[in-house]
N, C-alpha and C. Protein backbone atom coordinates (compact mmCIF):
# COMPACT_ATOMS: atom_id res chain seq x y z
N UNK A 1 66.29 -7.88 -35.13
CA UNK A 1 67.23 -6.81 -35.39
C UNK A 1 66.48 -5.51 -35.68
N UNK A 2 65.35 -5.63 -36.36
CA UNK A 2 64.56 -4.43 -36.67
C UNK A 2 64.08 -3.72 -35.41
N UNK A 3 63.69 -4.51 -34.40
CA UNK A 3 63.26 -3.90 -33.13
C UNK A 3 64.40 -3.14 -32.47
N UNK A 4 65.60 -3.72 -32.50
CA UNK A 4 66.76 -3.05 -31.91
C UNK A 4 67.06 -1.75 -32.63
N UNK A 5 67.03 -1.78 -33.95
CA UNK A 5 67.30 -0.58 -34.75
C UNK A 5 66.25 0.49 -34.44
N UNK A 6 64.97 0.11 -34.43
CA UNK A 6 63.92 1.10 -34.14
C UNK A 6 64.00 1.61 -32.71
N UNK A 7 64.33 0.76 -31.76
CA UNK A 7 64.49 1.22 -30.38
C UNK A 7 65.60 2.27 -30.29
N UNK A 8 66.71 2.02 -30.98
CA UNK A 8 67.83 2.97 -30.97
C UNK A 8 67.43 4.29 -31.65
N UNK A 9 66.71 4.19 -32.76
CA UNK A 9 66.26 5.40 -33.46
C UNK A 9 65.30 6.20 -32.60
N UNK A 10 64.36 5.50 -31.96
CA UNK A 10 63.41 6.20 -31.09
C UNK A 10 64.13 6.89 -29.94
N UNK A 11 65.09 6.21 -29.35
CA UNK A 11 65.85 6.80 -28.26
C UNK A 11 66.59 8.06 -28.72
N UNK A 12 67.15 8.00 -29.92
CA UNK A 12 67.92 9.15 -30.42
C UNK A 12 67.03 10.33 -30.80
N UNK A 13 65.75 10.07 -31.07
CA UNK A 13 64.82 11.12 -31.50
C UNK A 13 63.73 11.42 -30.47
N UNK A 14 63.81 10.83 -29.30
CA UNK A 14 62.75 11.03 -28.29
C UNK A 14 62.67 12.48 -27.83
N UNK A 15 63.79 13.18 -27.81
CA UNK A 15 63.77 14.58 -27.40
C UNK A 15 63.02 15.46 -28.41
N UNK A 16 62.81 14.93 -29.62
CA UNK A 16 62.06 15.64 -30.65
C UNK A 16 60.61 15.18 -30.71
N UNK A 17 60.22 14.30 -29.77
CA UNK A 17 58.83 13.86 -29.70
C UNK A 17 58.51 12.58 -30.44
N UNK A 18 59.52 11.87 -30.93
CA UNK A 18 59.26 10.63 -31.67
C UNK A 18 58.61 9.59 -30.76
N UNK A 19 57.55 8.94 -31.26
CA UNK A 19 56.84 7.92 -30.50
C UNK A 19 56.73 6.60 -31.25
N UNK A 20 56.94 6.61 -32.56
CA UNK A 20 56.81 5.41 -33.39
C UNK A 20 57.97 5.39 -34.37
N UNK A 21 58.45 4.19 -34.66
CA UNK A 21 59.51 4.04 -35.66
C UNK A 21 59.06 3.05 -36.72
N UNK A 22 59.25 3.44 -37.96
CA UNK A 22 59.04 2.53 -39.09
C UNK A 22 60.33 2.55 -39.89
N UNK A 23 60.88 1.38 -40.13
CA UNK A 23 62.12 1.31 -40.92
C UNK A 23 61.97 0.26 -42.01
N UNK A 24 62.73 0.40 -43.05
CA UNK A 24 62.75 -0.53 -44.16
C UNK A 24 63.64 -1.72 -43.78
N UNK A 25 63.08 -2.90 -43.70
CA UNK A 25 63.85 -4.08 -43.31
C UNK A 25 65.02 -4.35 -44.25
N UNK A 26 64.90 -3.93 -45.51
CA UNK A 26 65.99 -4.14 -46.47
C UNK A 26 67.22 -3.29 -46.15
N UNK A 27 67.06 -2.28 -45.29
CA UNK A 27 68.21 -1.45 -44.93
C UNK A 27 69.04 -2.08 -43.82
N UNK A 28 68.56 -3.19 -43.24
CA UNK A 28 69.28 -3.89 -42.18
C UNK A 28 69.96 -5.11 -42.79
N UNK A 29 71.27 -5.18 -42.65
CA UNK A 29 72.05 -6.20 -43.32
C UNK A 29 72.75 -7.09 -42.29
N UNK A 30 72.14 -8.21 -41.93
CA UNK A 30 72.79 -9.13 -41.01
C UNK A 30 72.34 -8.96 -39.58
N UNK A 31 73.20 -9.41 -38.67
CA UNK A 31 72.88 -9.37 -37.25
C UNK A 31 74.14 -9.06 -36.44
N UNK A 32 73.96 -8.93 -35.14
CA UNK A 32 75.08 -8.66 -34.24
C UNK A 32 75.32 -9.86 -33.36
N UNK A 33 76.56 -10.11 -33.00
CA UNK A 33 76.89 -11.18 -32.08
C UNK A 33 76.75 -10.69 -30.65
N UNK A 34 76.56 -11.60 -29.74
CA UNK A 34 76.48 -11.29 -28.32
C UNK A 34 77.81 -10.71 -27.86
N UNK A 35 77.77 -9.69 -27.02
CA UNK A 35 78.99 -9.09 -26.47
C UNK A 35 79.12 -7.64 -26.88
N UNK A 36 80.34 -7.18 -26.86
CA UNK A 36 80.62 -5.78 -27.19
C UNK A 36 80.32 -5.51 -28.67
N UNK A 37 79.78 -4.32 -28.92
CA UNK A 37 79.45 -3.91 -30.29
C UNK A 37 80.34 -2.74 -30.65
N UNK A 38 81.00 -2.83 -31.78
CA UNK A 38 81.88 -1.76 -32.24
C UNK A 38 81.22 -0.97 -33.36
N UNK A 39 81.78 0.17 -33.69
CA UNK A 39 81.28 0.97 -34.80
C UNK A 39 81.38 0.19 -36.11
N UNK A 40 82.41 -0.63 -36.24
CA UNK A 40 82.56 -1.45 -37.45
C UNK A 40 81.42 -2.46 -37.56
N UNK A 41 81.00 -3.05 -36.43
CA UNK A 41 79.86 -3.96 -36.43
C UNK A 41 78.60 -3.26 -36.90
N UNK A 42 78.38 -2.05 -36.40
CA UNK A 42 77.19 -1.29 -36.80
C UNK A 42 77.22 -0.92 -38.27
N UNK A 43 78.41 -0.59 -38.79
CA UNK A 43 78.54 -0.27 -40.21
C UNK A 43 78.19 -1.46 -41.09
N UNK A 44 78.46 -2.68 -40.61
CA UNK A 44 78.11 -3.88 -41.38
C UNK A 44 76.60 -4.12 -41.37
N UNK A 45 75.97 -3.90 -40.21
CA UNK A 45 74.54 -4.15 -40.08
C UNK A 45 73.71 -3.05 -40.74
N UNK A 46 74.18 -1.81 -40.65
CA UNK A 46 73.47 -0.66 -41.23
C UNK A 46 74.40 0.03 -42.24
N UNK A 47 74.61 -0.59 -43.42
CA UNK A 47 75.61 -0.08 -44.37
C UNK A 47 75.17 1.13 -45.19
N UNK A 48 73.90 1.50 -45.12
CA UNK A 48 73.40 2.57 -45.97
C UNK A 48 73.31 3.88 -45.19
N UNK A 49 73.54 5.01 -45.83
CA UNK A 49 73.51 6.31 -45.14
C UNK A 49 72.10 6.87 -44.99
N UNK A 50 71.23 6.13 -44.28
CA UNK A 50 69.86 6.58 -44.07
C UNK A 50 69.79 7.67 -43.01
N UNK A 51 68.78 8.50 -43.09
CA UNK A 51 68.55 9.56 -42.11
C UNK A 51 67.28 9.28 -41.33
N UNK A 52 67.29 9.58 -40.05
CA UNK A 52 66.09 9.45 -39.23
C UNK A 52 65.39 10.81 -39.22
N UNK A 53 64.10 10.80 -39.54
CA UNK A 53 63.32 12.03 -39.62
C UNK A 53 62.10 11.91 -38.72
N UNK A 54 61.80 12.98 -38.00
CA UNK A 54 60.61 13.01 -37.14
C UNK A 54 59.52 13.79 -37.86
N UNK A 55 58.37 13.17 -38.02
CA UNK A 55 57.22 13.79 -38.66
C UNK A 55 56.04 13.79 -37.70
N UNK A 56 55.21 14.80 -37.78
CA UNK A 56 53.99 14.84 -37.01
C UNK A 56 52.85 14.52 -37.97
N UNK A 57 52.19 13.38 -37.75
CA UNK A 57 51.10 12.94 -38.62
C UNK A 57 49.92 12.48 -37.77
N UNK A 58 48.71 12.53 -38.32
CA UNK A 58 47.55 12.00 -37.59
C UNK A 58 47.63 10.49 -37.46
N UNK A 59 47.03 9.96 -36.41
CA UNK A 59 47.00 8.51 -36.22
C UNK A 59 46.36 7.79 -37.37
N UNK A 60 45.37 8.40 -37.99
CA UNK A 60 44.69 7.76 -39.13
C UNK A 60 45.65 7.58 -40.29
N UNK A 61 46.57 8.48 -40.50
CA UNK A 61 47.57 8.36 -41.56
C UNK A 61 48.53 7.22 -41.26
N UNK A 62 48.94 7.11 -40.00
CA UNK A 62 49.82 6.01 -39.58
C UNK A 62 49.10 4.67 -39.78
N UNK A 63 47.85 4.60 -39.40
CA UNK A 63 47.09 3.36 -39.56
C UNK A 63 46.99 2.97 -41.03
N UNK A 64 46.75 3.92 -41.90
CA UNK A 64 46.68 3.66 -43.33
C UNK A 64 48.02 3.13 -43.85
N UNK A 65 49.12 3.71 -43.38
CA UNK A 65 50.45 3.26 -43.82
C UNK A 65 50.74 1.84 -43.38
N UNK A 66 50.17 1.43 -42.26
CA UNK A 66 50.44 0.09 -41.73
C UNK A 66 49.50 -0.97 -42.27
N UNK A 67 48.43 -0.57 -42.93
CA UNK A 67 47.47 -1.54 -43.46
C UNK A 67 47.94 -2.16 -44.76
């Protein structure tokens, strides 16, 4: 589910130059069933009002954050 959320976030921010997504797994609540997805389904999976932000950082900073 985290990969799906990050893929969607990257797609929504690609016009701003986003290349990497890091999200807090605790902000994802549950999963989606196969088939059509409604706004109500998304509200259940992503119940918190998080914001996606694009930052420009050096690769070394990203590496440090992932270690």
